[in-house]
Amino acid sequence: MNSKNVSVAATVAPNLMLRAVADDFFDKLEAIPAQNIVLDFKGVQSISRSFAHQYILRRMKSSKNVEEANVVENVQHMFKIVERQVAGGETPSVALKCSSVLTA
């Protein structure tokens, strides 16, 4: 299958904050012809709980195989917090596949 690398910081912003931005981002990802997408988080400095929550929900529903790379520790921590919340009954959980973690 074909693959595409996408820089999150360059495509969205270094600080990920709004649910609507996560929705717009996933709308763009769905339009990419590649089935496998690697999201490179290099340069992403922070993520809000609301962006992380919407990101996880959209990732679960995505028709693409999405993996994360170069996720800094504080962003990875926020994803884990939201995953626990989602697993607690709000919606089914999704395991993020972070291929590497950078420390800031």
PDB file of N, CA and C in Angstrom:
ATOM      1  N   MET A   1       0.842  -1.199   0.000  1.00  0.00           N
ATOM      2  CA  MET A   1       0.000   0.000   0.000  1.00  0.00           C
ATOM      3  C   MET A   1       0.876   1.247   0.000  1.00  0.00           C
ATOM      4  N   ASN A   2       0.358   2.317  -0.556  1.00  0.00           N
ATOM      5  CA  ASN A   2       1.107   3.556  -0.597  1.00  0.00           C
ATOM      6  C   ASN A   2       1.057   4.278   0.744  1.00  0.00           C
ATOM      7  N   SER A   3       2.089   5.111   0.995  1.00  0.00           N
ATOM      8  CA  SER A   3       2.230   5.768   2.275  1.00  0.00           C
ATOM      9  C   SER A   3       2.546   7.247   2.080  1.00  0.00           C
ATOM     10  N   LYS A   4       2.164   8.050   3.059  1.00  0.00           N
ATOM     11  CA  LYS A   4       2.407   9.491   3.002  1.00  0.00           C
ATOM     12  C   LYS A   4       2.800   9.975   4.391  1.00  0.00           C
ATOM     13  N   ASN A   5       3.878  10.755   4.477  1.00  0.00           N
ATOM     14  CA  ASN A   5       4.284  11.403   5.717  1.00  0.00           C
ATOM     15  C   ASN A   5       3.726  12.814   5.731  1.00  0.00           C
ATOM     16  N   VAL A   6       3.171  13.230   6.872  1.00  0.00           N
ATOM     17  CA  VAL A   6       2.584  14.558   6.999  1.00  0.00           C
ATOM     18  C   VAL A   6       3.155  15.214   8.256  1.00  0.00           C
ATOM     19  N   SER A   7       3.698  16.404   8.103  1.00  0.00           N
ATOM     20  CA  SER A   7       4.183  17.178   9.245  1.00  0.00           C
ATOM     21  C   SER A   7       2.995  17.887   9.889  1.00  0.00           C
ATOM     22  N   VAL A   8       2.713  17.537  11.143  1.00  0.00           N
ATOM     23  CA  VAL A   8       1.582  18.138  11.845  1.00  0.00           C
ATOM     24  C   VAL A   8       1.842  19.616  12.118  1.00  0.00           C
ATOM     25  N   ALA A   9       3.056  19.947  12.564  1.00  0.00           N
ATOM     26  CA  ALA A   9       3.379  21.347  12.873  1.00  0.00           C
ATOM     27  C   ALA A   9       3.257  22.232  11.642  1.00  0.00           C
ATOM     28  N   ALA A  10       3.726  21.748  10.498  1.00  0.00           N
ATOM     29  CA  ALA A  10       3.662  22.542   9.263  1.00  0.00           C
ATOM     30  C   ALA A  10       2.255  22.612   8.699  1.00  0.00           C
ATOM     31  N   THR A  11       1.490  21.530   8.843  1.00  0.00           N
ATOM     32  CA  THR A  11       0.144  21.473   8.277  1.00  0.00           C
ATOM     33  C   THR A  11      -0.876  22.176   9.161  1.00  0.00           C
ATOM     34  N   VAL A  12      -0.731  22.033  10.481  1.00  0.00           N
ATOM     35  CA  VAL A  12      -1.703  22.616  11.410  1.00  0.00           C
ATOM     36  C   VAL A  12      -1.064  23.792  12.145  1.00  0.00           C
ATOM     37  N   ALA A  13      -0.238  23.488  13.144  1.00  0.00           N
ATOM     38  CA  ALA A  13       0.425  24.511  13.961  1.00  0.00           C
ATOM     39  C   ALA A  13       1.276  23.805  15.005  1.00  0.00           C
ATOM     40  N   PRO A  14       2.228  24.500  15.612  1.00  0.00           N
ATOM     41  CA  PRO A  14       3.025  23.872  16.672  1.00  0.00           C
ATOM     42  C   PRO A  14       2.252  23.724  17.990  1.00  0.00           C
ATOM     43  N   ASN A  15       1.157  24.461  18.123  1.00  0.00           N
ATOM     44  CA  ASN A  15       0.313  24.364  19.315  1.00  0.00           C
ATOM     45  C   ASN A  15      -1.100  23.990  18.852  1.00  0.00           C
ATOM     46  N   LEU A  16      -1.523  22.792  19.200  1.00  0.00           N
ATOM     47  CA  LEU A  16      -2.788  22.224  18.720  1.00  0.00           C
ATOM     48  C   LEU A  16      -3.864  22.472  19.761  1.00  0.00           C
ATOM     49  N   MET A  17      -4.899  23.252  19.403  1.00  0.00           N
ATOM     50  CA  MET A  17      -5.820  23.715  20.435  1.00  0.00           C
ATOM     51  C   MET A  17      -7.307  23.418  20.254  1.00  0.00           C
ATOM     52  N   LEU A  18      -7.864  23.466  19.087  1.00  0.00           N
ATOM     53  CA  LEU A  18      -9.318  23.462  18.939  1.00  0.00           C
ATOM     54  C   LEU A  18      -9.847  22.183  18.292  1.00  0.00           C
ATOM     55  N   ARG A  19     -11.038  21.752  18.726  1.00  0.00           N
ATOM     56  CA  ARG A  19     -11.703  20.595  18.120  1.00  0.00           C
ATOM     57  C   ARG A  19     -11.925  20.799  16.620  1.00  0.00           C
ATOM     58  N   ALA A  20     -12.339  21.987  16.257  1.00  0.00           N
ATOM     59  CA  ALA A  20     -12.615  22.272  14.846  1.00  0.00           C
ATOM     60  C   ALA A  20     -11.353  22.139  14.002  1.00  0.00           C
ATOM     61  N   VAL A  21     -10.212  22.479  14.568  1.00  0.00           N
ATOM     62  CA  VAL A  21      -8.950  22.347  13.848  1.00  0.00           C
ATOM     63  C   VAL A  21      -8.624  20.870  13.648  1.00  0.00           C
ATOM     64  N   ALA A  22      -8.883  20.043  14.657  1.00  0.00           N
ATOM     65  CA  ALA A  22      -8.675  18.594  14.521  1.00  0.00           C
ATOM     66  C   ALA A  22      -9.591  18.035  13.437  1.00  0.00           C
ATOM     67  N   ASP A  23     -10.831  18.488  13.400  1.00  0.00           N
ATOM     68  CA  ASP A  23     -11.763  18.045  12.362  1.00  0.00           C
ATOM     69  C   ASP A  23     -11.277  18.443  10.969  1.00  0.00           C
ATOM     70  N   ASP A  24     -10.856  19.696  10.815  1.00  0.00           N
ATOM     71  CA  ASP A  24     -10.348  20.165   9.513  1.00  0.00           C
ATOM     72  C   ASP A  24      -9.123  19.355   9.089  1.00  0.00           C
ATOM     73  N   PHE A  25      -8.235  19.079  10.045  1.00  0.00           N
ATOM     74  CA  PHE A  25      -7.028  18.315   9.766  1.00  0.00           C
ATOM     75  C   PHE A  25      -7.378  16.916   9.260  1.00  0.00           C
ATOM     76  N   PHE A  26      -8.308  16.246   9.938  1.00  0.00           N
ATOM     77  CA  PHE A  26      -8.685  14.903   9.499  1.00  0.00           C
ATOM     78  C   PHE A  26      -9.451  14.923   8.187  1.00  0.00           C
ATOM     79  N   ASP A  27     -10.191  15.980   7.913  1.00  0.00           N
ATOM     80  CA  ASP A  27     -10.835  16.108   6.602  1.00  0.00           C
ATOM     81  C   ASP A  27      -9.769  16.143   5.502  1.00  0.00           C
ATOM     82  N   LYS A  28      -8.669  16.862   5.738  1.00  0.00           N
ATOM     83  CA  LYS A  28      -7.568  16.922   4.772  1.00  0.00           C
ATOM     84  C   LYS A  28      -6.890  15.561   4.637  1.00  0.00           C
ATOM     85  N   LEU A  29      -6.704  14.863   5.766  1.00  0.00           N
ATOM     86  CA  LEU A  29      -6.074  13.539   5.720  1.00  0.00           C
ATOM     87  C   LEU A  29      -6.914  12.560   4.911  1.00  0.00           C
ATOM     88  N   GLU A  30      -8.214  12.627   5.063  1.00  0.00           N
ATOM     89  CA  GLU A  30      -9.107  11.721   4.332  1.00  0.00           C
ATOM     90  C   GLU A  30      -9.016  11.957   2.820  1.00  0.00           C
ATOM     91  N   ALA A  31      -8.655  13.158   2.416  1.00  0.00           N
ATOM     92  CA  ALA A  31      -8.555  13.483   0.989  1.00  0.00           C
ATOM     93  C   ALA A  31      -7.231  13.033   0.364  1.00  0.00           C
ATOM     94  N   ILE A  32      -6.266  12.649   1.191  1.00  0.00           N
ATOM     95  CA  ILE A  32      -4.972  12.189   0.673  1.00  0.00           C
ATOM     96  C   ILE A  32      -5.170  10.817   0.035  1.00  0.00           C
ATOM     97  N   PRO A  33      -4.645  10.597  -1.169  1.00  0.00           N
ATOM     98  CA  PRO A  33      -4.860   9.309  -1.838  1.00  0.00           C
ATOM     99  C   PRO A  33      -4.167   8.121  -1.180  1.00  0.00           C
ATOM    100  N   ALA A  34      -3.155   8.348  -0.346  1.00  0.00           N
ATOM    101  CA  ALA A  34      -2.449   7.247   0.319  1.00  0.00           C
ATOM    102  C   ALA A  34      -3.317   6.623   1.406  1.00  0.00           C
ATOM    103  N   GLN A  35      -3.198   5.306   1.582  1.00  0.00           N
ATOM    104  CA  GLN A  35      -3.944   4.604   2.622  1.00  0.00           C
ATOM    105  C   GLN A  35      -3.232   4.667   3.974  1.00  0.00           C
ATOM    106  N   ASN A  36      -1.901   4.647   3.955  1.00  0.00           N
ATOM    107  CA  ASN A  36      -1.104   4.694   5.179  1.00  0.00           C
ATOM    108  C   ASN A  36      -0.537   6.090   5.356  1.00  0.00           C
ATOM    109  N   ILE A  37      -0.811   6.687   6.516  1.00  0.00           N
ATOM    110  CA  ILE A  37      -0.350   8.044   6.784  1.00  0.00           C
ATOM    111  C   ILE A  37       0.443   8.050   8.086  1.00  0.00           C
ATOM    112  N   VAL A  38       1.657   8.602   8.012  1.00  0.00           N
ATOM    113  CA  VAL A  38       2.486   8.777   9.199  1.00  0.00           C
ATOM    114  C   VAL A  38       2.457  10.259   9.532  1.00  0.00           C
ATOM    115  N   LEU A  39       1.939  10.571  10.721  1.00  0.00           N
ATOM    116  CA  LEU A  39       1.864  11.952  11.171  1.00  0.00           C
ATOM    117  C   LEU A  39       3.103  12.255  12.000  1.00  0.00           C
ATOM    118  N   ASP A  40       3.931  13.155  11.496  1.00  0.00           N
ATOM    119  CA  ASP A  40       5.169  13.531  12.163  1.00  0.00           C
ATOM    120  C   ASP A  40       4.889  14.713  13.085  1.00  0.00           C
ATOM    121  N   PHE A  41       5.000  14.481  14.382  1.00  0.00           N
ATOM    122  CA  PHE A  41       4.714  15.510  15.376  1.00  0.00           C
ATOM    123  C   PHE A  41       5.938  16.361  15.717  1.00  0.00           C
ATOM    124  N   LYS A  42       7.040  16.200  14.991  1.00  0.00           N
ATOM    125  CA  LYS A  42       8.232  17.006  15.238  1.00  0.00           C
ATOM    126  C   LYS A  42       7.865  18.476  15.099  1.00  0.00           C
ATOM    127  N   GLY A  43       8.212  19.278  16.084  1.00  0.00           N
ATOM    128  CA  GLY A  43       7.893  20.701  16.072  1.00  0.00           C
ATOM    129  C   GLY A  43       6.603  21.041  16.790  1.00  0.00           C
ATOM    130  N   VAL A  44       5.778  20.038  17.111  1.00  0.00           N
ATOM    131  CA  VAL A  44       4.564  20.288  17.888  1.00  0.00           C
ATOM    132  C   VAL A  44       4.973  20.459  19.349  1.00  0.00           C
ATOM    133  N   GLN A  45       4.574  21.578  19.935  1.00  0.00           N
ATOM    134  CA  GLN A  45       4.993  21.903  21.290  1.00  0.00           C
ATOM    135  C   GLN A  45       3.938  21.588  22.338  1.00  0.00           C
ATOM    136  N   SER A  46       2.662  21.730  21.983  1.00  0.00           N
ATOM    137  CA  SER A  46       1.605  21.498  22.962  1.00  0.00           C
ATOM    138  C   SER A  46       0.321  21.065  22.268  1.00  0.00           C
ATOM    139  N   ILE A  47      -0.551  20.463  23.079  1.00  0.00           N
ATOM    140  CA  ILE A  47      -1.842  19.995  22.571  1.00  0.00           C
ATOM    141  C   ILE A  47      -2.871  20.169  23.684  1.00  0.00           C
ATOM    142  N   SER A  48      -4.022  20.701  23.343  1.00  0.00           N
ATOM    143  CA  SER A  48      -5.084  20.852  24.342  1.00  0.00           C
ATOM    144  C   SER A  48      -5.825  19.528  24.495  1.00  0.00           C
ATOM    145  N   ARG A  49      -6.516  19.403  25.601  1.00  0.00           N
ATOM    146  CA  ARG A  49      -7.314  18.211  25.843  1.00  0.00           C
ATOM    147  C   ARG A  49      -8.410  18.081  24.785  1.00  0.00           C
ATOM    148  N   SER A  50      -9.018  19.196  24.406  1.00  0.00           N
ATOM    149  CA  SER A  50     -10.110  19.139  23.422  1.00  0.00           C
ATOM    150  C   SER A  50      -9.594  18.726  22.046  1.00  0.00           C
ATOM    151  N   PHE A  51      -8.418  19.225  21.628  1.00  0.00           N
ATOM    152  CA  PHE A  51      -7.856  18.795  20.346  1.00  0.00           C
ATOM    153  C   PHE A  51      -7.532  17.313  20.412  1.00  0.00           C
ATOM    154  N   ALA A  52      -6.889  16.867  21.500  1.00  0.00           N
ATOM    155  CA  ALA A  52      -6.508  15.459  21.639  1.00  0.00           C
ATOM    156  C   ALA A  52      -7.743  14.560  21.594  1.00  0.00           C
ATOM    157  N   HIS A  53      -8.814  14.967  22.256  1.00  0.00           N
ATOM    158  CA  HIS A  53     -10.040  14.173  22.282  1.00  0.00           C
ATOM    159  C   HIS A  53     -10.644  14.048  20.887  1.00  0.00           C
ATOM    160  N   GLN A  54     -10.747  15.158  20.183  1.00  0.00           N
ATOM    161  CA  GLN A  54     -11.319  15.117  18.831  1.00  0.00           C
ATOM    162  C   GLN A  54     -10.409  14.356  17.879  1.00  0.00           C
ATOM    163  N   TYR A  55      -9.101  14.521  18.043  1.00  0.00           N
ATOM    164  CA  TYR A  55      -8.118  13.800  17.229  1.00  0.00           C
ATOM    165  C   TYR A  55      -8.326  12.295  17.381  1.00  0.00           C
ATOM    166  N   ILE A  56      -8.453  11.820  18.609  1.00  0.00           N
ATOM    167  CA  ILE A  56      -8.625  10.384  18.862  1.00  0.00           C
ATOM    168  C   ILE A  56      -9.950   9.889  18.283  1.00  0.00           C
ATOM    169  N   LEU A  57     -11.016  10.650  18.476  1.00  0.00           N
ATOM    170  CA  LEU A  57     -12.311  10.243  17.920  1.00  0.00           C
ATOM    171  C   LEU A  57     -12.254  10.159  16.393  1.00  0.00           C
ATOM    172  N   ARG A  58     -11.649  11.146  15.748  1.00  0.00           N
ATOM    173  CA  ARG A  58     -11.565  11.140  14.282  1.00  0.00           C
ATOM    174  C   ARG A  58     -10.631  10.048  13.786  1.00  0.00           C
ATOM    175  N   ARG A  59      -9.562   9.788  14.529  1.00  0.00           N
ATOM    176  CA  ARG A  59      -8.622   8.730  14.147  1.00  0.00           C
ATOM    177  C   ARG A  59      -9.318   7.373  14.174  1.00  0.00           C
ATOM    178  N   MET A  60     -10.171   7.166  15.168  1.00  0.00           N
ATOM    179  CA  MET A  60     -10.914   5.910  15.280  1.00  0.00           C
ATOM    180  C   MET A  60     -11.833   5.700  14.082  1.00  0.00           C
ATOM    181  N   LYS A  61     -12.406   6.776  13.558  1.00  0.00           N
ATOM    182  CA  LYS A  61     -13.359   6.693  12.456  1.00  0.00           C
ATOM    183  C   LYS A  61     -12.710   6.812  11.080  1.00  0.00           C
ATOM    184  N   SER A  62     -11.421   7.103  11.065  1.00  0.00           N
ATOM    185  CA  SER A  62     -10.735   7.347   9.798  1.00  0.00           C
ATOM    186  C   SER A  62     -10.672   6.100   8.935  1.00  0.00           C
ATOM    187  N   SER A  63     -10.760   6.295   7.636  1.00  0.00           N
ATOM    188  CA  SER A  63     -10.600   5.197   6.689  1.00  0.00           C
ATOM    189  C   SER A  63      -9.125   4.917   6.413  1.00  0.00           C
ATOM    190  N   LYS A  64      -8.249   5.742   6.976  1.00  0.00           N
ATOM    191  CA  LYS A  64      -6.804   5.619   6.758  1.00  0.00           C
ATOM    192  C   LYS A  64      -6.148   4.858   7.906  1.00  0.00           C
ATOM    193  N   ASN A  65      -4.987   4.267   7.630  1.00  0.00           N
ATOM    194  CA  ASN A  65      -4.134   3.692   8.669  1.00  0.00           C
ATOM    195  C   ASN A  65      -3.200   4.807   9.109  1.00  0.00           C
ATOM    196  N   VAL A  66      -3.420   5.327  10.321  1.00  0.00           N
ATOM    197  CA  VAL A  66      -2.679   6.488  10.797  1.00  0.00           C
ATOM    198  C   VAL A  66      -1.727   6.069  11.913  1.00  0.00           C
ATOM    199  N   GLU A  67      -0.466   6.500  11.784  1.00  0.00           N
ATOM    200  CA  GLU A  67       0.530   6.294  12.829  1.00  0.00           C
ATOM    201  C   GLU A  67       1.154   7.630  13.177  1.00  0.00           C
ATOM    202  N   GLU A  68       1.617   7.748  14.417  1.00  0.00           N
ATOM    203  CA  GLU A  68       2.255   8.961  14.871  1.00  0.00           C
ATOM    204  C   GLU A  68       3.757   8.715  15.028  1.00  0.00           C
ATOM    205  N   ALA A  69       4.557   9.726  14.723  1.00  0.00           N
ATOM    206  CA  ALA A  69       6.012   9.668  14.889  1.00  0.00           C
ATOM    207  C   ALA A  69       6.490  10.948  15.556  1.00  0.00           C
ATOM    208  N   ASN A  70       7.588  10.851  16.275  1.00  0.00           N
ATOM    209  CA  ASN A  70       8.239  12.005  16.901  1.00  0.00           C
ATOM    210  C   ASN A  70       7.303  12.792  17.819  1.00  0.00           C
ATOM    211  N   VAL A  71       6.568  12.078  18.648  1.00  0.00           N
ATOM    212  CA  VAL A  71       5.631  12.710  19.575  1.00  0.00           C
ATOM    213  C   VAL A  71       6.384  13.082  20.851  1.00  0.00           C
ATOM    214  N   VAL A  72       6.416  14.379  21.166  1.00  0.00           N
ATOM    215  CA  VAL A  72       7.094  14.819  22.388  1.00  0.00           C
ATOM    216  C   VAL A  72       6.339  14.322  23.610  1.00  0.00           C
ATOM    217  N   GLU A  73       7.036  14.236  24.717  1.00  0.00           N
ATOM    218  CA  GLU A  73       6.500  13.614  25.927  1.00  0.00           C
ATOM    219  C   GLU A  73       5.205  14.256  26.421  1.00  0.00           C
ATOM    220  N   ASN A  74       5.125  15.594  26.451  1.00  0.00           N
ATOM    221  CA  ASN A  74       3.915  16.229  26.973  1.00  0.00           C
ATOM    222  C   ASN A  74       2.705  15.982  26.072  1.00  0.00           C
ATOM    223  N   VAL A  75       2.906  15.884  24.761  1.00  0.00           N
ATOM    224  CA  VAL A  75       1.807  15.593  23.836  1.00  0.00           C
ATOM    225  C   VAL A  75       1.376  14.136  24.005  1.00  0.00           C
ATOM    226  N   GLN A  76       2.350  13.234  24.106  1.00  0.00           N
ATOM    227  CA  GLN A  76       2.033  11.834  24.316  1.00  0.00           C
ATOM    228  C   GLN A  76       1.269  11.645  25.633  1.00  0.00           C
ATOM    229  N   HIS A  77       1.650  12.395  26.655  1.00  0.00           N
ATOM    230  CA  HIS A  77       0.968  12.320  27.952  1.00  0.00           C
ATOM    231  C   HIS A  77      -0.498  12.749  27.817  1.00  0.00           C
ATOM    232  N   MET A  78      -0.756  13.817  27.068  1.00  0.00           N
ATOM    233  CA  MET A  78      -2.141  14.270  26.878  1.00  0.00           C
ATOM    234  C   MET A  78      -2.949  13.227  26.127  1.00  0.00           C
ATOM    235  N   PHE A  79      -2.355  12.597  25.106  1.00  0.00           N
ATOM    236  CA  PHE A  79      -3.061  11.525  24.410  1.00  0.00           C
ATOM    237  C   PHE A  79      -3.430  10.405  25.380  1.00  0.00           C
ATOM    238  N   LYS A  80      -2.528  10.041  26.270  1.00  0.00           N
ATOM    239  CA  LYS A  80      -2.797   8.963  27.234  1.00  0.00           C
ATOM    240  C   LYS A  80      -3.913   9.347  28.198  1.00  0.00           C
ATOM    241  N   ILE A  81      -3.924  10.593  28.651  1.00  0.00           N
ATOM    242  CA  ILE A  81      -4.992  11.067  29.544  1.00  0.00           C
ATOM    243  C   ILE A  81      -6.344  10.934  28.853  1.00  0.00           C
ATOM    244  N   VAL A  82      -6.416  11.394  27.617  1.00  0.00           N
ATOM    245  CA  VAL A  82      -7.678  11.359  26.869  1.00  0.00           C
ATOM    246  C   VAL A  82      -8.069   9.915  26.549  1.00  0.00           C
ATOM    247  N   GLU A  83      -7.104   9.067  26.205  1.00  0.00           N
ATOM    248  CA  GLU A  83      -7.416   7.657  25.944  1.00  0.00           C
ATOM    249  C   GLU A  83      -8.046   6.999  27.159  1.00  0.00           C
ATOM    250  N   ARG A  84      -7.523   7.302  28.349  1.00  0.00           N
ATOM    251  CA  ARG A  84      -8.121   6.748  29.579  1.00  0.00           C
ATOM    252  C   ARG A  84      -9.544   7.244  29.756  1.00  0.00           C
ATOM    253  N   GLN A  85      -9.784   8.517  29.461  1.00  0.00           N
ATOM    254  CA  GLN A  85     -11.131   9.084  29.549  1.00  0.00           C
ATOM    255  C   GLN A  85     -12.061   8.376  28.571  1.00  0.00           C
ATOM    256  N   VAL A  86     -11.600   8.215  27.346  1.00  0.00           N
ATOM    257  CA  VAL A  86     -12.405   7.565  26.309  1.00  0.00           C
ATOM    258  C   VAL A  86     -12.668   6.114  26.706  1.00  0.00           C
ATOM    259  N   ALA A  87     -11.659   5.431  27.224  1.00  0.00           N
ATOM    260  CA  ALA A  87     -11.805   4.033  27.636  1.00  0.00           C
ATOM    261  C   ALA A  87     -12.739   3.905  28.826  1.00  0.00           C
ATOM    262  N   GLY A  88     -12.912   4.984  29.582  1.00  0.00           N
ATOM    263  CA  GLY A  88     -13.766   4.967  30.758  1.00  0.00           C
ATOM    264  C   GLY A  88     -15.247   4.975  30.453  1.00  0.00           C
ATOM    265  N   GLY A  89     -15.614   4.921  29.185  1.00  0.00           N
ATOM    266  CA  GLY A  89     -17.024   4.799  28.866  1.00  0.00           C
ATOM    267  C   GLY A  89     -17.562   5.798  27.880  1.00  0.00           C
ATOM    268  N   GLU A  90     -16.854   6.883  27.615  1.00  0.00           N
ATOM    269  CA  GLU A  90     -17.397   7.881  26.693  1.00  0.00           C
ATOM    270  C   GLU A  90     -17.491   7.317  25.284  1.00  0.00           C
ATOM    271  N   THR A  91     -16.403   6.715  24.796  1.00  0.00           N
ATOM    272  CA  THR A  91     -16.364   6.061  23.495  1.00  0.00           C
ATOM    273  C   THR A  91     -15.303   4.975  23.571  1.00  0.00           C
ATOM    274  N   PRO A  92     -15.257   4.033  22.637  1.00  0.00           N
ATOM    275  CA  PRO A  92     -14.217   3.005  22.669  1.00  0.00           C
ATOM    276  C   PRO A  92     -12.827   3.614  22.548  1.00  0.00           C
ATOM    277  N   SER A  93     -11.848   2.969  23.125  1.00  0.00           N
ATOM    278  CA  SER A  93     -10.481   3.464  23.122  1.00  0.00           C
ATOM    279  C   SER A  93      -9.770   3.155  21.811  1.00  0.00           C
ATOM    280  N   VAL A  94      -8.721   3.876  21.569  1.00  0.00           N
ATOM    281  CA  VAL A  94      -7.859   3.622  20.420  1.00  0.00           C
ATOM    282  C   VAL A  94      -6.423   3.682  20.929  1.00  0.00           C
ATOM    283  N   ALA A  95      -5.612   2.754  20.518  1.00  0.00           N
ATOM    284  CA  ALA A  95      -4.202   2.756  20.904  1.00  0.00           C
ATOM    285  C   ALA A  95      -3.404   3.505  19.859  1.00  0.00           C
ATOM    286  N   LEU A  96      -2.745   4.571  20.282  1.00  0.00           N
ATOM    287  CA  LEU A  96      -1.899   5.303  19.355  1.00  0.00           C
ATOM    288  C   LEU A  96      -0.616   4.532  19.139  1.00  0.00           C
ATOM    289  N   LYS A  97      -0.150   4.500  17.911  1.00  0.00           N
ATOM    290  CA  LYS A  97       1.080   3.807  17.579  1.00  0.00           C
ATOM    291  C   LYS A  97       2.170   4.842  17.365  1.00  0.00           C
ATOM    292  N   CYS A  98       2.818   5.245  18.439  1.00  0.00           N
ATOM    293  CA  CYS A  98       3.883   6.234  18.345  1.00  0.00           C
ATOM    294  C   CYS A  98       5.198   5.519  18.080  1.00  0.00           C
ATOM    295  N   SER A  99       5.790   5.771  16.917  1.00  0.00           N
ATOM    296  CA  SER A  99       6.997   5.061  16.540  1.00  0.00           C
ATOM    297  C   SER A  99       8.232   5.583  17.256  1.00  0.00           C
ATOM    298  N   SER A 100       8.207   6.821  17.710  1.00  0.00           N
ATOM    299  CA  SER A 100       9.325   7.332  18.483  1.00  0.00           C
ATOM    300  C   SER A 100       8.857   8.512  19.313  1.00  0.00           C
ATOM    301  N   VAL A 101       9.562   8.746  20.399  1.00  0.00           N
ATOM    302  CA  VAL A 101       9.209   9.836  21.295  1.00  0.00           C
ATOM    303  C   VAL A 101      10.437  10.718  21.468  1.00  0.00           C
ATOM    304  N   LEU A 102      10.279  11.990  21.248  1.00  0.00           N
ATOM    305  CA  LEU A 102      11.348  12.961  21.494  1.00  0.00           C
ATOM    306  C   LEU A 102      11.113  13.601  22.841  1.00  0.00           C
ATOM    307  N   THR A 103      12.157  13.970  23.522  1.00  0.00           N
ATOM    308  CA  THR A 103      11.995  14.738  24.754  1.00  0.00           C
ATOM    309  C   THR A 103      12.394  16.157  24.470  1.00  0.00           C
ATOM    310  N   ALA A 104      11.622  17.075  24.996  1.00  0.00           N
ATOM    311  CA  ALA A 104      11.856  18.493  24.711  1.00  0.00           C
ATOM    312  C   ALA A 104      13.049  19.017  25.462  1.00  0.00           C
TER     313      ALA A 104
END
